[in-house]
Amino acid sequence: MNDHPFTWPGHHPDEPTHRLIIAYLTIDIQRSPEDASELSQKISAVHSGQLPEWERIGNAYCLRLFPDYVEIEEDFAEEGGKPEKIPLTTFKMAVQSWLEHIAGQQNK
């Protein structure tokens, strides 16, 4: 286990959407470099306009990527959750940092 908690530039631990990003990455992407890399590639494709949008239904969340923002919706309750909008740039920075974080853990 890494001694350093996961963060990214601009991360605010008390910000609910930042806690949601961490939960999403931890539960749905986990420590899979392949899934994290695919997510990073899809973010770039949507941001650049190569893809109009992209969706991933995971273990506990539904993620939707749009050119300017992402939506993360809890998908584990019977009634589902309310989608939370997060700026794409914030999410992209978190995913890039997650890739570095899990790579650092695998090298130990």
PDB file of N, CA and C in Angstrom:
ATOM      1  N   MET A   1       0.849  -1.184   0.000  1.00  0.00           N
ATOM      2  CA  MET A   1       0.000   0.000   0.000  1.00  0.00           C
ATOM      3  C   MET A   1       0.892   1.244   0.000  1.00  0.00           C
ATOM      4  N   ASN A   2       0.484   2.252  -0.685  1.00  0.00           N
ATOM      5  CA  ASN A   2       1.236   3.495  -0.775  1.00  0.00           C
ATOM      6  C   ASN A   2       1.045   4.303   0.497  1.00  0.00           C
ATOM      7  N   ASP A   3       2.158   4.860   1.014  1.00  0.00           N
ATOM      8  CA  ASP A   3       2.078   5.677   2.230  1.00  0.00           C
ATOM      9  C   ASP A   3       1.460   7.043   1.974  1.00  0.00           C
ATOM     10  N   HIS A   4       1.403   7.444   0.720  1.00  0.00           N
ATOM     11  CA  HIS A   4       0.885   8.765   0.369  1.00  0.00           C
ATOM     12  C   HIS A   4      -0.565   8.650  -0.099  1.00  0.00           C
ATOM     13  N   PRO A   5      -1.453   9.457   0.479  1.00  0.00           N
ATOM     14  CA  PRO A   5      -2.841   9.419   0.003  1.00  0.00           C
ATOM     15  C   PRO A   5      -2.921   9.941  -1.427  1.00  0.00           C
ATOM     16  N   PHE A   6      -3.921   9.478  -2.133  1.00  0.00           N
ATOM     17  CA  PHE A   6      -4.099   9.904  -3.522  1.00  0.00           C
ATOM     18  C   PHE A   6      -4.643  11.328  -3.574  1.00  0.00           C
ATOM     19  N   THR A   7      -3.970  12.179  -4.324  1.00  0.00           N
ATOM     20  CA  THR A   7      -4.420  13.549  -4.568  1.00  0.00           C
ATOM     21  C   THR A   7      -4.014  13.930  -5.989  1.00  0.00           C
ATOM     22  N   TRP A   8      -4.408  15.107  -6.398  1.00  0.00           N
ATOM     23  CA  TRP A   8      -3.992  15.653  -7.689  1.00  0.00           C
ATOM     24  C   TRP A   8      -3.898  17.158  -7.535  1.00  0.00           C
ATOM     25  N   PRO A   9      -3.218  17.838  -8.455  1.00  0.00           N
ATOM     26  CA  PRO A   9      -3.129  19.302  -8.358  1.00  0.00           C
ATOM     27  C   PRO A   9      -4.534  19.919  -8.336  1.00  0.00           C
ATOM     28  N   GLY A  10      -4.796  20.714  -7.323  1.00  0.00           N
ATOM     29  CA  GLY A  10      -6.114  21.335  -7.188  1.00  0.00           C
ATOM     30  C   GLY A  10      -7.090  20.527  -6.356  1.00  0.00           C
ATOM     31  N   HIS A  11      -6.662  19.368  -5.861  1.00  0.00           N
ATOM     32  CA  HIS A  11      -7.534  18.519  -5.050  1.00  0.00           C
ATOM     33  C   HIS A  11      -7.860  19.204  -3.729  1.00  0.00           C
ATOM     34  N   HIS A  12      -9.140  19.165  -3.369  1.00  0.00           N
ATOM     35  CA  HIS A  12      -9.609  19.697  -2.094  1.00  0.00           C
ATOM     36  C   HIS A  12     -10.341  18.568  -1.381  1.00  0.00           C
ATOM     37  N   PRO A  13      -9.786  18.034  -0.282  1.00  0.00           N
ATOM     38  CA  PRO A  13     -10.380  16.874   0.379  1.00  0.00           C
ATOM     39  C   PRO A  13     -11.802  17.092   0.898  1.00  0.00           C
ATOM     40  N   ASP A  14     -12.176  18.336   1.143  1.00  0.00           N
ATOM     41  CA  ASP A  14     -13.523  18.602   1.655  1.00  0.00           C
ATOM     42  C   ASP A  14     -14.547  18.838   0.549  1.00  0.00           C
ATOM     43  N   GLU A  15     -14.111  18.840  -0.686  1.00  0.00           N
ATOM     44  CA  GLU A  15     -15.006  19.074  -1.825  1.00  0.00           C
ATOM     45  C   GLU A  15     -15.729  17.758  -2.166  1.00  0.00           C
ATOM     46  N   PRO A  16     -17.072  17.736  -2.067  1.00  0.00           N
ATOM     47  CA  PRO A  16     -17.815  16.497  -2.319  1.00  0.00           C
ATOM     48  C   PRO A  16     -17.543  15.876  -3.702  1.00  0.00           C
ATOM     49  N   THR A  17     -17.413  16.699  -4.737  1.00  0.00           N
ATOM     50  CA  THR A  17     -17.171  16.119  -6.058  1.00  0.00           C
ATOM     51  C   THR A  17     -15.774  15.511  -6.147  1.00  0.00           C
ATOM     52  N   HIS A  18     -14.829  16.036  -5.389  1.00  0.00           N
ATOM     53  CA  HIS A  18     -13.479  15.458  -5.380  1.00  0.00           C
ATOM     54  C   HIS A  18     -13.488  14.112  -4.654  1.00  0.00           C
ATOM     55  N   ARG A  19     -14.275  14.020  -3.588  1.00  0.00           N
ATOM     56  CA  ARG A  19     -14.423  12.722  -2.903  1.00  0.00           C
ATOM     57  C   ARG A  19     -15.106  11.722  -3.828  1.00  0.00           C
ATOM     58  N   LEU A  20     -16.055  12.181  -4.642  1.00  0.00           N
ATOM     59  CA  LEU A  20     -16.735  11.306  -5.599  1.00  0.00           C
ATOM     60  C   LEU A  20     -15.758  10.800  -6.664  1.00  0.00           C
ATOM     61  N   ILE A  21     -14.879  11.658  -7.134  1.00  0.00           N
ATOM     62  CA  ILE A  21     -13.868  11.238  -8.112  1.00  0.00           C
ATOM     63  C   ILE A  21     -13.002  10.133  -7.516  1.00  0.00           C
ATOM     64  N   ILE A  22     -12.554  10.312  -6.280  1.00  0.00           N
ATOM     65  CA  ILE A  22     -11.720   9.304  -5.629  1.00  0.00           C
ATOM     66  C   ILE A  22     -12.494   7.998  -5.471  1.00  0.00           C
ATOM     67  N   ALA A  23     -13.748   8.084  -5.074  1.00  0.00           N
ATOM     68  CA  ALA A  23     -14.564   6.876  -4.927  1.00  0.00           C
ATOM     69  C   ALA A  23     -14.710   6.171  -6.272  1.00  0.00           C
ATOM     70  N   TYR A  24     -14.973   6.940  -7.322  1.00  0.00           N
ATOM     71  CA  TYR A  24     -15.122   6.348  -8.651  1.00  0.00           C
ATOM     72  C   TYR A  24     -13.836   5.625  -9.073  1.00  0.00           C
ATOM     73  N   LEU A  25     -12.714   6.307  -8.952  1.00  0.00           N
ATOM     74  CA  LEU A  25     -11.446   5.711  -9.369  1.00  0.00           C
ATOM     75  C   LEU A  25     -11.105   4.480  -8.529  1.00  0.00           C
ATOM     76  N   THR A  26     -11.343   4.561  -7.242  1.00  0.00           N
ATOM     77  CA  THR A  26     -11.024   3.461  -6.341  1.00  0.00           C
ATOM     78  C   THR A  26     -11.909   2.244  -6.581  1.00  0.00           C
ATOM     79  N   ILE A  27     -13.195   2.461  -6.758  1.00  0.00           N
ATOM     80  CA  ILE A  27     -14.148   1.354  -6.861  1.00  0.00           C
ATOM     81  C   ILE A  27     -14.287   0.834  -8.289  1.00  0.00           C
ATOM     82  N   ASP A  28     -14.395   1.726  -9.264  1.00  0.00           N
ATOM     83  CA  ASP A  28     -14.668   1.277 -10.629  1.00  0.00           C
ATOM     84  C   ASP A  28     -13.421   1.085 -11.488  1.00  0.00           C
ATOM     85  N   ILE A  29     -12.427   1.915 -11.331  1.00  0.00           N
ATOM     86  CA  ILE A  29     -11.197   1.767 -12.120  1.00  0.00           C
ATOM     87  C   ILE A  29     -10.204   0.881 -11.373  1.00  0.00           C
ATOM     88  N   GLN A  30     -10.200   0.991 -10.073  1.00  0.00           N
ATOM     89  CA  GLN A  30      -9.320   0.229  -9.191  1.00  0.00           C
ATOM     90  C   GLN A  30      -7.864   0.453  -9.576  1.00  0.00           C
ATOM     91  N   ARG A  31      -7.037  -0.527  -9.392  1.00  0.00           N
ATOM     92  CA  ARG A  31      -5.607  -0.372  -9.684  1.00  0.00           C
ATOM     93  C   ARG A  31      -5.270  -0.972 -11.042  1.00  0.00           C
ATOM     94  N   SER A  32      -6.179  -0.855 -11.970  1.00  0.00           N
ATOM     95  CA  SER A  32      -5.981  -1.404 -13.308  1.00  0.00           C
ATOM     96  C   SER A  32      -5.371  -0.348 -14.234  1.00  0.00           C
ATOM     97  N   PRO A  33      -4.095  -0.514 -14.589  1.00  0.00           N
ATOM     98  CA  PRO A  33      -3.489   0.440 -15.524  1.00  0.00           C
ATOM     99  C   PRO A  33      -4.204   0.445 -16.882  1.00  0.00           C
ATOM    100  N   GLU A  34      -4.709  -0.713 -17.285  1.00  0.00           N
ATOM    101  CA  GLU A  34      -5.416  -0.793 -18.572  1.00  0.00           C
ATOM    102  C   GLU A  34      -6.697   0.039 -18.547  1.00  0.00           C
ATOM    103  N   ASP A  35      -7.495  -0.107 -17.491  1.00  0.00           N
ATOM    104  CA  ASP A  35      -8.741   0.659 -17.391  1.00  0.00           C
ATOM    105  C   ASP A  35      -8.463   2.150 -17.239  1.00  0.00           C
ATOM    106  N   ALA A  36      -7.455   2.488 -16.454  1.00  0.00           N
ATOM    107  CA  ALA A  36      -7.110   3.902 -16.264  1.00  0.00           C
ATOM    108  C   ALA A  36      -6.596   4.518 -17.562  1.00  0.00           C
ATOM    109  N   SER A  37      -5.797   3.766 -18.306  1.00  0.00           N
ATOM    110  CA  SER A  37      -5.294   4.262 -19.600  1.00  0.00           C
ATOM    111  C   SER A  37      -6.423   4.428 -20.604  1.00  0.00           C
ATOM    112  N   GLU A  38      -7.325   3.452 -20.637  1.00  0.00           N
ATOM    113  CA  GLU A  38      -8.468   3.567 -21.547  1.00  0.00           C
ATOM    114  C   GLU A  38      -9.293   4.800 -21.199  1.00  0.00           C
ATOM    115  N   LEU A  39      -9.526   5.022 -19.917  1.00  0.00           N
ATOM    116  CA  LEU A  39     -10.289   6.187 -19.480  1.00  0.00           C
ATOM    117  C   LEU A  39      -9.594   7.474 -19.907  1.00  0.00           C
ATOM    118  N   SER A  40      -8.289   7.543 -19.731  1.00  0.00           N
ATOM    119  CA  SER A  40      -7.528   8.725 -20.145  1.00  0.00           C
ATOM    120  C   SER A  40      -7.638   8.954 -21.657  1.00  0.00           C
ATOM    121  N   GLN A  41      -7.563   7.886 -22.423  1.00  0.00           N
ATOM    122  CA  GLN A  41      -7.696   7.997 -23.885  1.00  0.00           C
ATOM    123  C   GLN A  41      -9.091   8.486 -24.279  1.00  0.00           C
ATOM    124  N   LYS A  42     -10.115   7.983 -23.611  1.00  0.00           N
ATOM    125  CA  LYS A  42     -11.487   8.406 -23.928  1.00  0.00           C
ATOM    126  C   LYS A  42     -11.705   9.871 -23.550  1.00  0.00           C
ATOM    127  N   ILE A  43     -11.111  10.298 -22.441  1.00  0.00           N
ATOM    128  CA  ILE A  43     -11.208  11.710 -22.051  1.00  0.00           C
ATOM    129  C   ILE A  43     -10.621  12.577 -23.160  1.00  0.00           C
ATOM    130  N   SER A  44      -9.448  12.216 -23.642  1.00  0.00           N
ATOM    131  CA  SER A  44      -8.792  12.984 -24.711  1.00  0.00           C
ATOM    132  C   SER A  44      -9.627  12.972 -25.988  1.00  0.00           C
ATOM    133  N   ALA A  45     -10.198  11.822 -26.323  1.00  0.00           N
ATOM    134  CA  ALA A  45     -11.005  11.710 -27.546  1.00  0.00           C
ATOM    135  C   ALA A  45     -12.265  12.570 -27.465  1.00  0.00           C
ATOM    136  N   VAL A  46     -12.913  12.584 -26.321  1.00  0.00           N
ATOM    137  CA  VAL A  46     -14.125  13.403 -26.164  1.00  0.00           C
ATOM    138  C   VAL A  46     -13.751  14.887 -26.120  1.00  0.00           C
ATOM    139  N   HIS A  47     -12.700  15.203 -25.396  1.00  0.00           N
ATOM    140  CA  HIS A  47     -12.277  16.609 -25.274  1.00  0.00           C
ATOM    141  C   HIS A  47     -11.875  17.192 -26.630  1.00  0.00           C
ATOM    142  N   SER A  48     -11.244  16.381 -27.464  1.00  0.00           N
ATOM    143  CA  SER A  48     -10.786  16.857 -28.778  1.00  0.00           C
ATOM    144  C   SER A  48     -11.883  16.835 -29.842  1.00  0.00           C
ATOM    145  N   GLY A  49     -13.004  16.178 -29.540  1.00  0.00           N
ATOM    146  CA  GLY A  49     -14.087  16.104 -30.513  1.00  0.00           C
ATOM    147  C   GLY A  49     -14.063  14.843 -31.361  1.00  0.00           C
ATOM    148  N   GLN A  50     -13.085  13.960 -31.151  1.00  0.00           N
ATOM    149  CA  GLN A  50     -13.061  12.695 -31.893  1.00  0.00           C
ATOM    150  C   GLN A  50     -14.282  11.845 -31.562  1.00  0.00           C
ATOM    151  N   LEU A  51     -14.717  11.918 -30.316  1.00  0.00           N
ATOM    152  CA  LEU A  51     -15.953  11.265 -29.872  1.00  0.00           C
ATOM    153  C   LEU A  51     -16.878  12.351 -29.327  1.00  0.00           C
ATOM    154  N   PRO A  52     -18.174  12.308 -29.652  1.00  0.00           N
ATOM    155  CA  PRO A  52     -19.072  13.329 -29.115  1.00  0.00           C
ATOM    156  C   PRO A  52     -19.304  13.173 -27.610  1.00  0.00           C
ATOM    157  N   GLU A  53     -19.309  11.927 -27.137  1.00  0.00           N
ATOM    158  CA  GLU A  53     -19.471  11.613 -25.720  1.00  0.00           C
ATOM    159  C   GLU A  53     -19.103  10.148 -25.528  1.00  0.00           C
ATOM    160  N   TRP A  54     -18.986   9.739 -24.271  1.00  0.00           N
ATOM    161  CA  TRP A  54     -18.630   8.350 -23.971  1.00  0.00           C
ATOM    162  C   TRP A  54     -19.194   7.986 -22.626  1.00  0.00           C
ATOM    163  N   GLU A  55     -19.600   6.724 -22.469  1.00  0.00           N
ATOM    164  CA  GLU A  55     -20.209   6.266 -21.227  1.00  0.00           C
ATOM    165  C   GLU A  55     -19.560   4.958 -20.783  1.00  0.00           C
ATOM    166  N   ARG A  56     -19.375   4.833 -19.477  1.00  0.00           N
ATOM    167  CA  ARG A  56     -18.850   3.586 -18.901  1.00  0.00           C
ATOM    168  C   ARG A  56     -19.685   3.253 -17.676  1.00  0.00           C
ATOM    169  N   ILE A  57     -20.284   2.081 -17.689  1.00  0.00           N
ATOM    170  CA  ILE A  57     -21.034   1.604 -16.532  1.00  0.00           C
ATOM    171  C   ILE A  57     -20.123   0.638 -15.793  1.00  0.00           C
ATOM    172  N   GLY A  58     -19.843   0.956 -14.542  1.00  0.00           N
ATOM    173  CA  GLY A  58     -18.891   0.166 -13.777  1.00  0.00           C
ATOM    174  C   GLY A  58     -19.543  -0.603 -12.653  1.00  0.00           C
ATOM    175  N   ASN A  59     -18.741  -0.910 -11.651  1.00  0.00           N
ATOM    176  CA  ASN A  59     -19.202  -1.686 -10.500  1.00  0.00           C
ATOM    177  C   ASN A  59     -20.228  -0.938  -9.662  1.00  0.00           C
ATOM    178  N   ALA A  60     -20.004   0.351  -9.484  1.00  0.00           N
ATOM    179  CA  ALA A  60     -20.864   1.117  -8.585  1.00  0.00           C
ATOM    180  C   ALA A  60     -21.315   2.453  -9.157  1.00  0.00           C
ATOM    181  N   TYR A  61     -20.720   2.858 -10.287  1.00  0.00           N
ATOM    182  CA  TYR A  61     -21.015   4.177 -10.843  1.00  0.00           C
ATOM    183  C   TYR A  61     -21.210   4.104 -12.347  1.00  0.00           C
ATOM    184  N   CYS A  62     -21.947   5.064 -12.836  1.00  0.00           N
ATOM    185  CA  CYS A  62     -22.073   5.278 -14.277  1.00  0.00           C
ATOM    186  C   CYS A  62     -21.350   6.587 -14.573  1.00  0.00           C
ATOM    187  N   LEU A  63     -20.433   6.536 -15.520  1.00  0.00           N
ATOM    188  CA  LEU A  63     -19.647   7.704 -15.904  1.00  0.00           C
ATOM    189  C   LEU A  63     -20.033   8.113 -17.315  1.00  0.00           C
ATOM    190  N   ARG A  64     -20.259   9.391 -17.510  1.00  0.00           N
ATOM    191  CA  ARG A  64     -20.524   9.928 -18.847  1.00  0.00           C
ATOM    192  C   ARG A  64     -19.553  11.073 -19.096  1.00  0.00           C
ATOM    193  N   LEU A  65     -18.842  10.991 -20.209  1.00  0.00           N
ATOM    194  CA  LEU A  65     -17.905  12.047 -20.591  1.00  0.00           C
ATOM    195  C   LEU A  65     -18.535  12.912 -21.657  1.00  0.00           C
ATOM    196  N   PHE A  66     -18.436  14.216 -21.492  1.00  0.00           N
ATOM    197  CA  PHE A  66     -18.884  15.205 -22.461  1.00  0.00           C
ATOM    198  C   PHE A  66     -17.708  16.154 -22.717  1.00  0.00           C
ATOM    199  N   PRO A  67     -17.753  16.952 -23.769  1.00  0.00           N
ATOM    200  CA  PRO A  67     -16.602  17.803 -24.099  1.00  0.00           C
ATOM    201  C   PRO A  67     -16.127  18.733 -22.982  1.00  0.00           C
ATOM    202  N   ASP A  68     -17.016  19.206 -22.119  1.00  0.00           N
ATOM    203  CA  ASP A  68     -16.632  20.169 -21.085  1.00  0.00           C
ATOM    204  C   ASP A  68     -16.762  19.648 -19.659  1.00  0.00           C
ATOM    205  N   TYR A  69     -17.454  18.543 -19.482  1.00  0.00           N
ATOM    206  CA  TYR A  69     -17.682  18.040 -18.134  1.00  0.00           C
ATOM    207  C   TYR A  69     -17.912  16.530 -18.153  1.00  0.00           C
ATOM    208  N   VAL A  70     -17.867  15.950 -16.962  1.00  0.00           N
ATOM    209  CA  VAL A  70     -18.223  14.550 -16.788  1.00  0.00           C
ATOM    210  C   VAL A  70     -19.386  14.480 -15.811  1.00  0.00           C
ATOM    211  N   GLU A  71     -20.131  13.420 -15.914  1.00  0.00           N
ATOM    212  CA  GLU A  71     -21.174  13.125 -14.940  1.00  0.00           C
ATOM    213  C   GLU A  71     -20.834  11.782 -14.306  1.00  0.00           C
ATOM    214  N   ILE A  72     -20.866  11.757 -12.989  1.00  0.00           N
ATOM    215  CA  ILE A  72     -20.712  10.507 -12.258  1.00  0.00           C
ATOM    216  C   ILE A  72     -21.987  10.300 -11.467  1.00  0.00           C
ATOM    217  N   GLU A  73     -22.583   9.135 -11.667  1.00  0.00           N
ATOM    218  CA  GLU A  73     -23.845   8.826 -11.004  1.00  0.00           C
ATOM    219  C   GLU A  73     -23.703   7.512 -10.247  1.00  0.00           C
ATOM    220  N   GLU A  74     -24.095   7.519  -8.982  1.00  0.00           N
ATOM    221  CA  GLU A  74     -24.093   6.283  -8.208  1.00  0.00           C
ATOM    222  C   GLU A  74     -25.056   5.310  -8.862  1.00  0.00           C
ATOM    223  N   ASP A  75     -24.613   4.074  -9.002  1.00  0.00           N
ATOM    224  CA  ASP A  75     -25.418   3.078  -9.698  1.00  0.00           C
ATOM    225  C   ASP A  75     -25.641   1.842  -8.843  1.00  0.00           C
ATOM    226  N   PHE A  76     -25.397   1.968  -7.521  1.00  0.00           N
ATOM    227  CA  PHE A  76     -25.502   0.783  -6.680  1.00  0.00           C
ATOM    228  C   PHE A  76     -26.751   0.765  -5.813  1.00  0.00           C
ATOM    229  N   ALA A  77     -27.480   1.859  -5.744  1.00  0.00           N
ATOM    230  CA  ALA A  77     -28.722   1.881  -4.968  1.00  0.00           C
ATOM    231  C   ALA A  77     -29.888   1.531  -5.893  1.00  0.00           C
ATOM    232  N   GLU A  78     -30.973   1.043  -5.306  1.00  0.00           N
ATOM    233  CA  GLU A  78     -32.146   0.683  -6.108  1.00  0.00           C
ATOM    234  C   GLU A  78     -32.637   1.852  -6.948  1.00  0.00           C
ATOM    235  N   GLU A  79     -32.690   3.023  -6.350  1.00  0.00           N
ATOM    236  CA  GLU A  79     -33.217   4.197  -7.035  1.00  0.00           C
ATOM    237  C   GLU A  79     -32.146   4.939  -7.831  1.00  0.00           C
ATOM    238  N   GLY A  80     -30.890   4.556  -7.658  1.00  0.00           N
ATOM    239  CA  GLY A  80     -29.826   5.268  -8.358  1.00  0.00           C
ATOM    240  C   GLY A  80     -29.577   6.620  -7.703  1.00  0.00           C
ATOM    241  N   GLY A  81     -28.573   7.281  -8.157  1.00  0.00           N
ATOM    242  CA  GLY A  81     -28.234   8.583  -7.606  1.00  0.00           C
ATOM    243  C   GLY A  81     -28.460   9.688  -8.607  1.00  0.00           C
ATOM    244  N   LYS A  82     -28.213  10.891  -8.155  1.00  0.00           N
ATOM    245  CA  LYS A  82     -28.322  12.067  -9.010  1.00  0.00           C
ATOM    246  C   LYS A  82     -26.953  12.285  -9.654  1.00  0.00           C
ATOM    247  N   PRO A  83     -26.883  12.456 -10.974  1.00  0.00           N
ATOM    248  CA  PRO A  83     -25.577  12.677 -11.608  1.00  0.00           C
ATOM    249  C   PRO A  83     -24.931  13.962 -11.098  1.00  0.00           C
ATOM    250  N   GLU A  84     -23.656  13.870 -10.788  1.00  0.00           N
ATOM    251  CA  GLU A  84     -22.874  15.032 -10.362  1.00  0.00           C
ATOM    252  C   GLU A  84     -22.014  15.482 -11.536  1.00  0.00           C
ATOM    253  N   LYS A  85     -22.109  16.758 -11.882  1.00  0.00           N
ATOM    254  CA  LYS A  85     -21.297  17.316 -12.963  1.00  0.00           C
ATOM    255  C   LYS A  85     -19.969  17.804 -12.416  1.00  0.00           C
ATOM    256  N   ILE A  86     -18.903  17.435 -13.124  1.00  0.00           N
ATOM    257  CA  ILE A  86     -17.543  17.801 -12.727  1.00  0.00           C
ATOM    258  C   ILE A  86     -16.838  18.328 -13.969  1.00  0.00           C
ATOM    259  N   PRO A  87     -16.120  19.436 -13.864  1.00  0.00           N
ATOM    260  CA  PRO A  87     -15.395  19.935 -15.037  1.00  0.00           C
ATOM    261  C   PRO A  87     -14.444  18.862 -15.590  1.00  0.00           C
ATOM    262  N   LEU A  88     -14.422  18.732 -16.900  1.00  0.00           N
ATOM    263  CA  LEU A  88     -13.583  17.728 -17.545  1.00  0.00           C
ATOM    264  C   LEU A  88     -12.116  17.918 -17.189  1.00  0.00           C
ATOM    265  N   THR A  89     -11.659  19.157 -17.104  1.00  0.00           N
ATOM    266  CA  THR A  89     -10.249  19.396 -16.784  1.00  0.00           C
ATOM    267  C   THR A  89      -9.889  18.867 -15.396  1.00  0.00           C
ATOM    268  N   THR A  90     -10.774  19.016 -14.435  1.00  0.00           N
ATOM    269  CA  THR A  90     -10.541  18.497 -13.083  1.00  0.00           C
ATOM    270  C   THR A  90     -10.462  16.981 -13.114  1.00  0.00           C
ATOM    271  N   PHE A  91     -11.408  16.355 -13.805  1.00  0.00           N
ATOM    272  CA  PHE A  91     -11.451  14.901 -13.875  1.00  0.00           C
ATOM    273  C   PHE A  91     -10.227  14.358 -14.615  1.00  0.00           C
ATOM    274  N   LYS A  92      -9.849  15.029 -15.692  1.00  0.00           N
ATOM    275  CA  LYS A  92      -8.685  14.600 -16.474  1.00  0.00           C
ATOM    276  C   LYS A  92      -7.424  14.637 -15.608  1.00  0.00           C
ATOM    277  N   MET A  93      -7.256  15.689 -14.818  1.00  0.00           N
ATOM    278  CA  MET A  93      -6.095  15.804 -13.942  1.00  0.00           C
ATOM    279  C   MET A  93      -6.095  14.690 -12.896  1.00  0.00           C
ATOM    280  N   ALA A  94      -7.264  14.372 -12.360  1.00  0.00           N
ATOM    281  CA  ALA A  94      -7.368  13.303 -11.367  1.00  0.00           C
ATOM    282  C   ALA A  94      -7.025  11.951 -11.985  1.00  0.00           C
ATOM    283  N   VAL A  95      -7.516  11.690 -13.180  1.00  0.00           N
ATOM    284  CA  VAL A  95      -7.236  10.407 -13.844  1.00  0.00           C
ATOM    285  C   VAL A  95      -5.744  10.276 -14.157  1.00  0.00           C
ATOM    286  N   GLN A  96      -5.127  11.336 -14.627  1.00  0.00           N
ATOM    287  CA  GLN A  96      -3.692  11.298 -14.915  1.00  0.00           C
ATOM    288  C   GLN A  96      -2.906  11.024 -13.630  1.00  0.00           C
ATOM    289  N   SER A  97      -3.299  11.667 -12.554  1.00  0.00           N
ATOM    290  CA  SER A  97      -2.641  11.443 -11.269  1.00  0.00           C
ATOM    291  C   SER A  97      -2.897  10.024 -10.754  1.00  0.00           C
ATOM    292  N   TRP A  98      -4.092   9.489 -11.032  1.00  0.00           N
ATOM    293  CA  TRP A  98      -4.409   8.114 -10.636  1.00  0.00           C
ATOM    294  C   TRP A  98      -3.494   7.128 -11.377  1.00  0.00           C
ATOM    295  N   LEU A  99      -3.287   7.363 -12.652  1.00  0.00           N
ATOM    296  CA  LEU A  99      -2.367   6.518 -13.427  1.00  0.00           C
ATOM    297  C   LEU A  99      -0.978   6.512 -12.795  1.00  0.00           C
ATOM    298  N   GLU A 100      -0.489   7.678 -12.432  1.00  0.00           N
ATOM    299  CA  GLU A 100       0.826   7.787 -11.789  1.00  0.00           C
ATOM    300  C   GLU A 100       0.819   7.121 -10.413  1.00  0.00           C
ATOM    301  N   HIS A 101      -0.256   7.281  -9.682  1.00  0.00           N
ATOM    302  CA  HIS A 101      -0.397   6.707  -8.341  1.00  0.00           C
ATOM    303  C   HIS A 101      -0.342   5.181  -8.399  1.00  0.00           C
ATOM    304  N   ILE A 102      -1.117   4.577  -9.290  1.00  0.00           N
ATOM    305  CA  ILE A 102      -1.137   3.108  -9.347  1.00  0.00           C
ATOM    306  C   ILE A 102       0.161   2.571  -9.944  1.00  0.00           C
ATOM    307  N   ALA A 103       0.785   3.311 -10.843  1.00  0.00           N
ATOM    308  CA  ALA A 103       2.079   2.886 -11.382  1.00  0.00           C
ATOM    309  C   ALA A 103       3.125   2.878 -10.263  1.00  0.00           C
ATOM    310  N   GLY A 104       3.086   3.872  -9.392  1.00  0.00           N
ATOM    311  CA  GLY A 104       4.013   3.942  -8.274  1.00  0.00           C
ATOM    312  C   GLY A 104       3.813   2.791  -7.299  1.00  0.00           C
ATOM    313  N   GLN A 105       2.566   2.366  -7.135  1.00  0.00           N
ATOM    314  CA  GLN A 105       2.278   1.249  -6.229  1.00  0.00           C
ATOM    315  C   GLN A 105       2.764  -0.069  -6.821  1.00  0.00           C
ATOM    316  N   GLN A 106       2.689  -0.216  -8.135  1.00  0.00           N
ATOM    317  CA  GLN A 106       3.108  -1.472  -8.770  1.00  0.00           C
ATOM    318  C   GLN A 106       4.624  -1.600  -8.814  1.00  0.00           C
ATOM    319  N   ASN A 107       5.319  -0.490  -8.739  1.00  0.00           N
ATOM    320  CA  ASN A 107       6.773  -0.520  -8.790  1.00  0.00           C
ATOM    321  C   ASN A 107       7.411  -0.786  -7.425  1.00  0.00           C
ATOM    322  N   LYS A 108       6.588  -0.959  -6.411  1.00  0.00           N
ATOM    323  CA  LYS A 108       7.115  -1.199  -5.051  1.00  0.00           C
ATOM    324  C   LYS A 108       7.193  -2.673  -4.776  1.00  0.00           C
TER     325      LYS A 108
END
